[in-house]
Full PDB file with SEQRES, HELIX, SHEET, SSBOND, CRYST1, ORIGX, SCALE, CONECT and MASTER records, all heavy atoms in Angstrom:
SEQRES   1 A   31  GLY PHE TYR HIS ALA ILE PRO ALA ASP LEU CYS GLY ASP          
SEQRES   2 A   31  ARG ARG GLU GLU LEU VAL LEU TRP ASP PRO THR ALA ARG          
SEQRES   3 A   31  PHE VAL PHE LEU TYR                                          
SHEET    1 AA1 3 HIS A   4  ALA A   8  0                                        
SHEET    2 AA1 3 GLU A  17  TRP A  21 -1                                        
SHEET    3 AA1 3 VAL A  28  LEU A  30 -1                                        
CRYST1    1.000    1.000    1.000  90.00  90.00  90.00 P 1           1          
ORIGX1      1.000000  0.000000  0.000000        0.00000                         
ORIGX2      0.000000  1.000000  0.000000        0.00000                         
ORIGX3      0.000000  0.000000  1.000000        0.00000                         
SCALE1      1.000000  0.000000  0.000000        0.00000                         
SCALE2      0.000000  1.000000  0.000000        0.00000                         
SCALE3      0.000000  0.000000  1.000000        0.00000                         
ATOM      1  N   GLY A   1      -3.680 -12.094  -8.949  1.00  0.00           N  
ATOM      2  CA  GLY A   1      -2.239 -11.952  -8.867  1.00  0.00           C  
ATOM      3  C   GLY A   1      -1.725 -10.626  -9.434  1.00  0.00           C  
ATOM      4  O   GLY A   1      -0.963 -10.600 -10.411  1.00  0.00           O  
ATOM      5  N   PHE A   2      -2.126  -9.522  -8.838  1.00  0.00           N  
ATOM      6  CA  PHE A   2      -1.610  -8.207  -9.208  1.00  0.00           C  
ATOM      7  C   PHE A   2      -1.664  -7.310  -7.981  1.00  0.00           C  
ATOM      8  O   PHE A   2      -2.078  -7.741  -6.915  1.00  0.00           O  
ATOM      9  CB  PHE A   2      -2.412  -7.597 -10.367  1.00  0.00           C  
ATOM     10  CG  PHE A   2      -3.852  -7.277 -10.070  1.00  0.00           C  
ATOM     11  CD1 PHE A   2      -4.218  -6.024  -9.631  1.00  0.00           C  
ATOM     12  CD2 PHE A   2      -4.831  -8.243 -10.226  1.00  0.00           C  
ATOM     13  CE1 PHE A   2      -5.565  -5.751  -9.350  1.00  0.00           C  
ATOM     14  CE2 PHE A   2      -6.157  -7.968  -9.964  1.00  0.00           C  
ATOM     15  CZ  PHE A   2      -6.533  -6.703  -9.523  1.00  0.00           C  
ATOM     16  N   TYR A   3      -1.213  -6.054  -8.107  1.00  0.00           N  
ATOM     17  CA  TYR A   3      -1.084  -5.195  -6.925  1.00  0.00           C  
ATOM     18  C   TYR A   3      -2.382  -4.451  -6.642  1.00  0.00           C  
ATOM     19  O   TYR A   3      -2.737  -3.505  -7.335  1.00  0.00           O  
ATOM     20  CB  TYR A   3       0.094  -4.213  -7.106  1.00  0.00           C  
ATOM     21  CG  TYR A   3       1.413  -4.888  -7.015  1.00  0.00           C  
ATOM     22  CD1 TYR A   3       2.245  -5.021  -8.130  1.00  0.00           C  
ATOM     23  CD2 TYR A   3       1.831  -5.441  -5.807  1.00  0.00           C  
ATOM     24  CE1 TYR A   3       3.475  -5.661  -8.047  1.00  0.00           C  
ATOM     25  CE2 TYR A   3       3.045  -6.103  -5.732  1.00  0.00           C  
ATOM     26  CZ  TYR A   3       3.844  -6.205  -6.833  1.00  0.00           C  
ATOM     27  OH  TYR A   3       5.055  -6.858  -6.746  1.00  0.00           O  
ATOM     28  N   HIS A   4      -3.061  -4.894  -5.617  1.00  0.00           N  
ATOM     29  CA  HIS A   4      -4.187  -4.142  -5.078  1.00  0.00           C  
ATOM     30  C   HIS A   4      -3.653  -2.930  -4.327  1.00  0.00           C  
ATOM     31  O   HIS A   4      -2.523  -2.918  -3.834  1.00  0.00           O  
ATOM     32  CB  HIS A   4      -5.013  -5.011  -4.135  1.00  0.00           C  
ATOM     33  CG  HIS A   4      -5.713  -6.132  -4.824  1.00  0.00           C  
ATOM     34  ND1 HIS A   4      -6.939  -5.975  -5.429  1.00  0.00           N  
ATOM     35  CD2 HIS A   4      -5.366  -7.423  -4.996  1.00  0.00           C  
ATOM     36  CE1 HIS A   4      -7.311  -7.135  -5.962  1.00  0.00           C  
ATOM     37  NE2 HIS A   4      -6.387  -8.021  -5.710  1.00  0.00           N  
ATOM     38  N   ALA A   5      -4.515  -1.909  -4.141  1.00  0.00           N  
ATOM     39  CA  ALA A   5      -4.071  -0.666  -3.535  1.00  0.00           C  
ATOM     40  C   ALA A   5      -5.087  -0.136  -2.542  1.00  0.00           C  
ATOM     41  O   ALA A   5      -6.286  -0.135  -2.817  1.00  0.00           O  
ATOM     42  CB  ALA A   5      -3.822   0.397  -4.600  1.00  0.00           C  
ATOM     43  N   ILE A   6      -4.593   0.301  -1.361  1.00  0.00           N  
ATOM     44  CA  ILE A   6      -5.395   1.080  -0.428  1.00  0.00           C  
ATOM     45  C   ILE A   6      -4.609   2.375  -0.153  1.00  0.00           C  
ATOM     46  O   ILE A   6      -3.503   2.332   0.389  1.00  0.00           O  
ATOM     47  CB  ILE A   6      -5.636   0.341   0.889  1.00  0.00           C  
ATOM     48  CG1 ILE A   6      -6.407  -0.971   0.651  1.00  0.00           C  
ATOM     49  CG2 ILE A   6      -6.412   1.219   1.879  1.00  0.00           C  
ATOM     50  CD1 ILE A   6      -6.650  -1.780   1.905  1.00  0.00           C  
ATOM     51  N   PRO A   7      -5.144   3.549  -0.535  1.00  0.00           N  
ATOM     52  CA  PRO A   7      -4.504   4.790  -0.146  1.00  0.00           C  
ATOM     53  C   PRO A   7      -4.826   5.095   1.331  1.00  0.00           C  
ATOM     54  O   PRO A   7      -5.934   4.880   1.786  1.00  0.00           O  
ATOM     55  CB  PRO A   7      -5.177   5.842  -1.058  1.00  0.00           C  
ATOM     56  CG  PRO A   7      -5.947   5.049  -2.072  1.00  0.00           C  
ATOM     57  CD  PRO A   7      -6.288   3.748  -1.435  1.00  0.00           C  
ATOM     58  N   ALA A   8      -3.815   5.543   2.067  1.00  0.00           N  
ATOM     59  CA  ALA A   8      -4.014   5.825   3.502  1.00  0.00           C  
ATOM     60  C   ALA A   8      -2.904   6.762   3.964  1.00  0.00           C  
ATOM     61  O   ALA A   8      -1.746   6.666   3.505  1.00  0.00           O  
ATOM     62  CB  ALA A   8      -3.969   4.531   4.325  1.00  0.00           C  
ATOM     63  N   ASP A   9      -3.242   7.658   4.891  1.00  0.00           N  
ATOM     64  CA  ASP A   9      -2.258   8.538   5.484  1.00  0.00           C  
ATOM     65  C   ASP A   9      -1.547   7.788   6.613  1.00  0.00           C  
ATOM     66  O   ASP A   9      -1.995   7.795   7.759  1.00  0.00           O  
ATOM     67  CB  ASP A   9      -2.911   9.828   6.013  1.00  0.00           C  
ATOM     68  CG  ASP A   9      -1.926  10.805   6.615  1.00  0.00           C  
ATOM     69  OD1 ASP A   9      -0.711  10.541   6.575  1.00  0.00           O  
ATOM     70  OD2 ASP A   9      -2.385  11.827   7.190  1.00  0.00           O  
ATOM     71  N   LEU A  10      -0.478   7.111   6.282  1.00  0.00           N  
ATOM     72  CA  LEU A  10       0.263   6.318   7.262  1.00  0.00           C  
ATOM     73  C   LEU A  10       1.263   7.123   8.049  1.00  0.00           C  
ATOM     74  O   LEU A  10       1.714   6.706   9.112  1.00  0.00           O  
ATOM     75  CB  LEU A  10       1.017   5.178   6.555  1.00  0.00           C  
ATOM     76  CG  LEU A  10       0.174   4.201   5.734  1.00  0.00           C  
ATOM     77  CD1 LEU A  10       1.073   3.108   5.181  1.00  0.00           C  
ATOM     78  CD2 LEU A  10      -0.945   3.608   6.556  1.00  0.00           C  
ATOM     79  N   CYS A  11       1.653   8.295   7.527  1.00  0.00           N  
ATOM     80  CA  CYS A  11       2.717   9.082   8.157  1.00  0.00           C  
ATOM     81  C   CYS A  11       2.178  10.331   8.868  1.00  0.00           C  
ATOM     82  O   CYS A  11       2.987  11.086   9.458  1.00  0.00           O  
ATOM     83  CB  CYS A  11       3.744   9.501   7.096  1.00  0.00           C  
ATOM     84  SG  CYS A  11       4.501   8.092   6.279  1.00  0.00           S  
ATOM     85  N   GLY A  12       0.883  10.556   8.834  1.00  0.00           N  
ATOM     86  CA  GLY A  12       0.287  11.630   9.626  1.00  0.00           C  
ATOM     87  C   GLY A  12       0.526  13.010   9.129  1.00  0.00           C  
ATOM     88  O   GLY A  12       0.328  13.998   9.869  1.00  0.00           O  
ATOM     89  N   ASP A  13       0.964  13.198   7.869  1.00  0.00           N  
ATOM     90  CA  ASP A  13       1.222  14.558   7.362  1.00  0.00           C  
ATOM     91  C   ASP A  13       0.120  14.988   6.371  1.00  0.00           C  
ATOM     92  O   ASP A  13       0.320  15.917   5.610  1.00  0.00           O  
ATOM     93  CB  ASP A  13       2.587  14.637   6.676  1.00  0.00           C  
ATOM     94  CG  ASP A  13       2.750  13.655   5.528  1.00  0.00           C  
ATOM     95  OD1 ASP A  13       1.767  12.986   5.153  1.00  0.00           O  
ATOM     96  OD2 ASP A  13       3.880  13.545   4.998  1.00  0.00           O  
ATOM     97  N   ARG A  14      -1.038  14.284   6.410  1.00  0.00           N  
ATOM     98  CA  ARG A  14      -2.234  14.586   5.625  1.00  0.00           C  
ATOM     99  C   ARG A  14      -2.086  14.207   4.161  1.00  0.00           C  
ATOM    100  O   ARG A  14      -3.052  14.291   3.399  1.00  0.00           O  
ATOM    101  CB  ARG A  14      -2.654  16.062   5.775  1.00  0.00           C  
ATOM    102  CG  ARG A  14      -3.116  16.421   7.159  1.00  0.00           C  
ATOM    103  CD  ARG A  14      -3.482  17.877   7.298  1.00  0.00           C  
ATOM    104  NE  ARG A  14      -4.537  18.297   6.403  1.00  0.00           N  
ATOM    105  CZ  ARG A  14      -5.842  18.048   6.592  1.00  0.00           C  
ATOM    106  NH1 ARG A  14      -6.239  17.387   7.650  1.00  0.00           N  
ATOM    107  NH2 ARG A  14      -6.739  18.491   5.722  1.00  0.00           N  
ATOM    108  N   ARG A  15      -0.913  13.791   3.721  1.00  0.00           N  
ATOM    109  CA  ARG A  15      -0.744  13.250   2.368  1.00  0.00           C  
ATOM    110  C   ARG A  15      -0.968  11.734   2.452  1.00  0.00           C  
ATOM    111  O   ARG A  15      -0.592  11.106   3.430  1.00  0.00           O  
ATOM    112  CB  ARG A  15       0.651  13.539   1.836  1.00  0.00           C  
ATOM    113  CG  ARG A  15       0.980  15.028   1.760  1.00  0.00           C  
ATOM    114  CD  ARG A  15       2.358  15.243   1.225  1.00  0.00           C  
ATOM    115  NE  ARG A  15       3.388  14.567   2.007  1.00  0.00           N  
ATOM    116  CZ  ARG A  15       4.676  14.524   1.668  1.00  0.00           C  
ATOM    117  NH1 ARG A  15       5.102  15.102   0.549  1.00  0.00           N  
ATOM    118  NH2 ARG A  15       5.534  13.886   2.448  1.00  0.00           N  
ATOM    119  N   GLU A  16      -1.566  11.190   1.417  1.00  0.00           N  
ATOM    120  CA  GLU A  16      -1.829   9.756   1.423  1.00  0.00           C  
ATOM    121  C   GLU A  16      -0.638   8.958   0.884  1.00  0.00           C  
ATOM    122  O   GLU A  16      -0.047   9.319  -0.143  1.00  0.00           O  
ATOM    123  CB  GLU A  16      -3.071   9.430   0.582  1.00  0.00           C  
ATOM    124  CG  GLU A  16      -4.371   9.834   1.260  1.00  0.00           C  
ATOM    125  CD  GLU A  16      -5.593   9.360   0.507  1.00  0.00           C  
ATOM    126  OE1 GLU A  16      -5.524   9.191  -0.707  1.00  0.00           O  
ATOM    127  OE2 GLU A  16      -6.653   9.217   1.188  1.00  0.00           O  
ATOM    128  N   GLU A  17      -0.338   7.870   1.585  1.00  0.00           N  
ATOM    129  CA  GLU A  17       0.599   6.900   1.097  1.00  0.00           C  
ATOM    130  C   GLU A  17      -0.183   5.812   0.328  1.00  0.00           C  
ATOM    131  O   GLU A  17      -1.421   5.810   0.299  1.00  0.00           O  
ATOM    132  CB  GLU A  17       1.367   6.252   2.234  1.00  0.00           C  
ATOM    133  CG  GLU A  17       2.538   7.068   2.754  1.00  0.00           C  
ATOM    134  CD  GLU A  17       2.076   8.357   3.446  1.00  0.00           C  
ATOM    135  OE1 GLU A  17       1.162   8.308   4.285  1.00  0.00           O  
ATOM    136  OE2 GLU A  17       2.664   9.414   3.149  1.00  0.00           O  
ATOM    137  N   LEU A  18       0.545   4.878  -0.262  1.00  0.00           N  
ATOM    138  CA  LEU A  18      -0.064   3.745  -0.948  1.00  0.00           C  
ATOM    139  C   LEU A  18       0.358   2.440  -0.293  1.00  0.00           C  
ATOM    140  O   LEU A  18       1.555   2.192  -0.070  1.00  0.00           O  
ATOM    141  CB  LEU A  18       0.371   3.706  -2.448  1.00  0.00           C  
ATOM    142  CG  LEU A  18      -0.480   4.497  -3.418  1.00  0.00           C  
ATOM    143  CD1 LEU A  18       0.205   4.560  -4.774  1.00  0.00           C  
ATOM    144  CD2 LEU A  18      -1.876   3.889  -3.569  1.00  0.00           C  
ATOM    145  N   VAL A  19      -0.619   1.614   0.014  1.00  0.00           N  
ATOM    146  CA  VAL A  19      -0.364   0.257   0.490  1.00  0.00           C  
ATOM    147  C   VAL A  19      -0.667  -0.676  -0.677  1.00  0.00           C  
ATOM    148  O   VAL A  19      -1.799  -0.718  -1.158  1.00  0.00           O  
ATOM    149  CB  VAL A  19      -1.272  -0.112   1.695  1.00  0.00           C  
ATOM    150  CG1 VAL A  19      -0.996  -1.520   2.174  1.00  0.00           C  
ATOM    151  CG2 VAL A  19      -1.089   0.919   2.807  1.00  0.00           C  
ATOM    152  N   LEU A  20       0.347  -1.392  -1.158  1.00  0.00           N  
ATOM    153  CA  LEU A  20       0.212  -2.233  -2.343  1.00  0.00           C  
ATOM    154  C   LEU A  20       0.595  -3.684  -1.990  1.00  0.00           C  
ATOM    155  O   LEU A  20       1.555  -3.913  -1.243  1.00  0.00           O  
ATOM    156  CB  LEU A  20       1.131  -1.776  -3.469  1.00  0.00           C  
ATOM    157  CG  LEU A  20       0.987  -0.328  -3.952  1.00  0.00           C  
ATOM    158  CD1 LEU A  20       1.952  -0.057  -5.079  1.00  0.00           C  
ATOM    159  CD2 LEU A  20      -0.412  -0.037  -4.392  1.00  0.00           C  
ATOM    160  N   TRP A  21      -0.147  -4.632  -2.538  1.00  0.00           N  
ATOM    161  CA  TRP A  21       0.188  -6.050  -2.325  1.00  0.00           C  
ATOM    162  C   TRP A  21      -0.359  -6.905  -3.466  1.00  0.00           C  
ATOM    163  O   TRP A  21      -1.354  -6.566  -4.077  1.00  0.00           O  
ATOM    164  CB  TRP A  21      -0.360  -6.533  -0.977  1.00  0.00           C  
ATOM    165  CG  TRP A  21      -1.842  -6.700  -0.955  1.00  0.00           C  
ATOM    166  CD1 TRP A  21      -2.576  -7.855  -1.112  1.00  0.00           C  
ATOM    167  CD2 TRP A  21      -2.822  -5.673  -0.748  1.00  0.00           C  
ATOM    168  NE1 TRP A  21      -3.911  -7.610  -1.026  1.00  0.00           N  
ATOM    169  CE2 TRP A  21      -4.116  -6.271  -0.815  1.00  0.00           C  
ATOM    170  CE3 TRP A  21      -2.742  -4.298  -0.504  1.00  0.00           C  
ATOM    171  CZ2 TRP A  21      -5.292  -5.559  -0.642  1.00  0.00           C  
ATOM    172  CZ3 TRP A  21      -3.917  -3.578  -0.369  1.00  0.00           C  
ATOM    173  CH2 TRP A  21      -5.153  -4.204  -0.421  1.00  0.00           C  
ATOM    174  N   ASP A  22       0.314  -7.978  -3.705  1.00  0.00           N  
ATOM    175  CA  ASP A  22      -0.072  -9.050  -4.603  1.00  0.00           C  
ATOM    176  C   ASP A  22      -0.496 -10.223  -3.714  1.00  0.00           C  
ATOM    177  O   ASP A  22       0.320 -10.742  -2.980  1.00  0.00           O  
ATOM    178  CB  ASP A  22       1.117  -9.429  -5.503  1.00  0.00           C  
ATOM    179  CG  ASP A  22       0.848 -10.629  -6.411  1.00  0.00           C  
ATOM    180  OD1 ASP A  22      -0.138 -11.359  -6.167  1.00  0.00           O  
ATOM    181  OD2 ASP A  22       1.655 -10.865  -7.308  1.00  0.00           O  
ATOM    182  N   PRO A  23      -1.786 -10.638  -3.733  1.00  0.00           N  
ATOM    183  CA  PRO A  23      -2.247 -11.693  -2.814  1.00  0.00           C  
ATOM    184  C   PRO A  23      -1.573 -13.044  -3.037  1.00  0.00           C  
ATOM    185  O   PRO A  23      -1.758 -13.936  -2.211  1.00  0.00           O  
ATOM    186  CB  PRO A  23      -3.737 -11.776  -3.131  1.00  0.00           C  
ATOM    187  CG  PRO A  23      -4.096 -10.461  -3.696  1.00  0.00           C  
ATOM    188  CD  PRO A  23      -2.908 -10.050  -4.502  1.00  0.00           C  
ATOM    189  N   THR A  24      -0.789 -13.188  -4.104  1.00  0.00           N  
ATOM    190  CA  THR A  24      -0.083 -14.442  -4.331  1.00  0.00           C  
ATOM    191  C   THR A  24       1.375 -14.366  -3.913  1.00  0.00           C  
ATOM    192  O   THR A  24       2.156 -15.264  -4.198  1.00  0.00           O  
ATOM    193  CB  THR A  24      -0.163 -14.821  -5.829  1.00  0.00           C  
ATOM    194  OG1 THR A  24       0.660 -13.915  -6.587  1.00  0.00           O  
ATOM    195  CG2 THR A  24      -1.584 -14.780  -6.363  1.00  0.00           C  
ATOM    196  N   ALA A  25       1.762 -13.266  -3.234  1.00  0.00           N  
ATOM    197  CA  ALA A  25       3.168 -13.036  -2.899  1.00  0.00           C  
ATOM    198  C   ALA A  25       3.375 -12.859  -1.406  1.00  0.00           C  
ATOM    199  O   ALA A  25       2.440 -13.032  -0.609  1.00  0.00           O  
ATOM    200  CB  ALA A  25       3.703 -11.852  -3.698  1.00  0.00           C  
ATOM    201  N   ARG A  26       4.578 -12.431  -1.026  1.00  0.00           N  
ATOM    202  CA  ARG A  26       4.979 -12.442   0.391  1.00  0.00           C  
ATOM    203  C   ARG A  26       5.332 -11.084   0.950  1.00  0.00           C  
ATOM    204  O   ARG A  26       5.847 -10.994   2.084  1.00  0.00           O  
ATOM    205  CB  ARG A  26       6.178 -13.372   0.571  1.00  0.00           C  
ATOM    206  CG  ARG A  26       5.897 -14.817   0.251  1.00  0.00           C  
ATOM    207  CD  ARG A  26       7.161 -15.682   0.442  1.00  0.00           C  
ATOM    208  NE  ARG A  26       8.181 -15.290  -0.516  1.00  0.00           N  
ATOM    209  CZ  ARG A  26       9.479 -15.539  -0.342  1.00  0.00           C  
ATOM    210  NH1 ARG A  26       9.908 -16.118   0.763  1.00  0.00           N  
ATOM    211  NH2 ARG A  26      10.341 -15.212  -1.287  1.00  0.00           N  
ATOM    212  N   PHE A  27       5.077 -10.017   0.175  1.00  0.00           N  
ATOM    213  CA  PHE A  27       5.497  -8.691   0.612  1.00  0.00           C  
ATOM    214  C   PHE A  27       4.358  -7.683   0.493  1.00  0.00           C  
ATOM    215  O   PHE A  27       3.486  -7.813  -0.360  1.00  0.00           O  
ATOM    216  CB  PHE A  27       6.704  -8.205  -0.190  1.00  0.00           C  
ATOM    217  CG  PHE A  27       7.948  -9.052  -0.026  1.00  0.00           C  
ATOM    218  CD1 PHE A  27       8.215 -10.084  -0.887  1.00  0.00           C  
ATOM    219  CD2 PHE A  27       8.785  -8.810   1.053  1.00  0.00           C  
ATOM    220  CE1 PHE A  27       9.360 -10.869  -0.739  1.00  0.00           C  
ATOM    221  CE2 PHE A  27       9.930  -9.587   1.231  1.00  0.00           C  
ATOM    222  CZ  PHE A  27      10.212 -10.601   0.334  1.00  0.00           C  
ATOM    223  N   VAL A  28       4.426  -6.654   1.348  1.00  0.00           N  
ATOM    224  CA  VAL A  28       3.563  -5.487   1.238  1.00  0.00           C  
ATOM    225  C   VAL A  28       4.455  -4.283   0.980  1.00  0.00           C  
ATOM    226  O   VAL A  28       5.469  -4.102   1.672  1.00  0.00           O  
ATOM    227  CB  VAL A  28       2.743  -5.268   2.534  1.00  0.00           C  
ATOM    228  CG1 VAL A  28       1.838  -4.038   2.389  1.00  0.00           C  
ATOM    229  CG2 VAL A  28       1.934  -6.496   2.876  1.00  0.00           C  
ATOM    230  N   PHE A  29       4.101  -3.477  -0.046  1.00  0.00           N  
ATOM    231  CA  PHE A  29       4.926  -2.331  -0.406  1.00  0.00           C  
ATOM    232  C   PHE A  29       4.204  -1.048   0.013  1.00  0.00           C  
ATOM    233  O   PHE A  29       3.011  -0.864  -0.314  1.00  0.00           O  
ATOM    234  CB  PHE A  29       5.158  -2.304  -1.922  1.00  0.00           C  
ATOM    235  CG  PHE A  29       6.021  -3.418  -2.403  1.00  0.00           C  
ATOM    236  CD1 PHE A  29       5.481  -4.676  -2.654  1.00  0.00           C  
ATOM    237  CD2 PHE A  29       7.395  -3.250  -2.621  1.00  0.00           C  
ATOM    238  CE1 PHE A  29       6.267  -5.735  -3.100  1.00  0.00           C  
ATOM    239  CE2 PHE A  29       8.190  -4.286  -3.061  1.00  0.00           C  
ATOM    240  CZ  PHE A  29       7.609  -5.535  -3.305  1.00  0.00           C  
ATOM    241  N   LEU A  30       4.899  -0.167   0.747  1.00  0.00           N  
ATOM    242  CA  LEU A  30       4.359   1.104   1.167  1.00  0.00           C  
ATOM    243  C   LEU A  30       5.120   2.213   0.470  1.00  0.00           C  
ATOM    244  O   LEU A  30       6.357   2.280   0.561  1.00  0.00           O  
ATOM    245  CB  LEU A  30       4.482   1.262   2.697  1.00  0.00           C  
ATOM    246  CG  LEU A  30       4.003   0.071   3.533  1.00  0.00           C  
ATOM    247  CD1 LEU A  30       4.201   0.408   5.035  1.00  0.00           C  
ATOM    248  CD2 LEU A  30       2.561  -0.254   3.252  1.00  0.00           C  
ATOM    249  N   TYR A  31       4.412   3.069  -0.226  1.00  0.00           N  
ATOM    250  CA  TYR A  31       5.017   4.199  -0.948  1.00  0.00           C  
ATOM    251  C   TYR A  31       4.535   5.503  -0.395  1.00  0.00           C  
ATOM    252  O   TYR A  31       3.379   5.653  -0.017  1.00  0.00           O  
ATOM    253  CB  TYR A  31       4.655   4.120  -2.443  1.00  0.00           C  
ATOM    254  CG  TYR A  31       5.453   3.098  -3.208  1.00  0.00           C  
ATOM    255  CD1 TYR A  31       5.018   1.797  -3.304  1.00  0.00           C  
ATOM    256  CD2 TYR A  31       6.675   3.440  -3.775  1.00  0.00           C  
ATOM    257  CE1 TYR A  31       5.768   0.830  -4.002  1.00  0.00           C  
ATOM    258  CE2 TYR A  31       7.423   2.510  -4.465  1.00  0.00           C  
ATOM    259  CZ  TYR A  31       6.975   1.194  -4.564  1.00  0.00           C  
ATOM    260  OH  TYR A  31       7.714   0.263  -5.239  1.00  0.00           O  
TER     261      TYR A  31                                                      
MASTER        0    0    0    0    3    0    0    6  260    1    0    3          
END                                                                             
């Protein structure tokens, strides 16, 4: 029950974003 993280370039500008989620919750946060 905490925020796992996968860094990934979701916006295509070569900078990595963060995909965060708590497996016990209902939302995914993208930073």
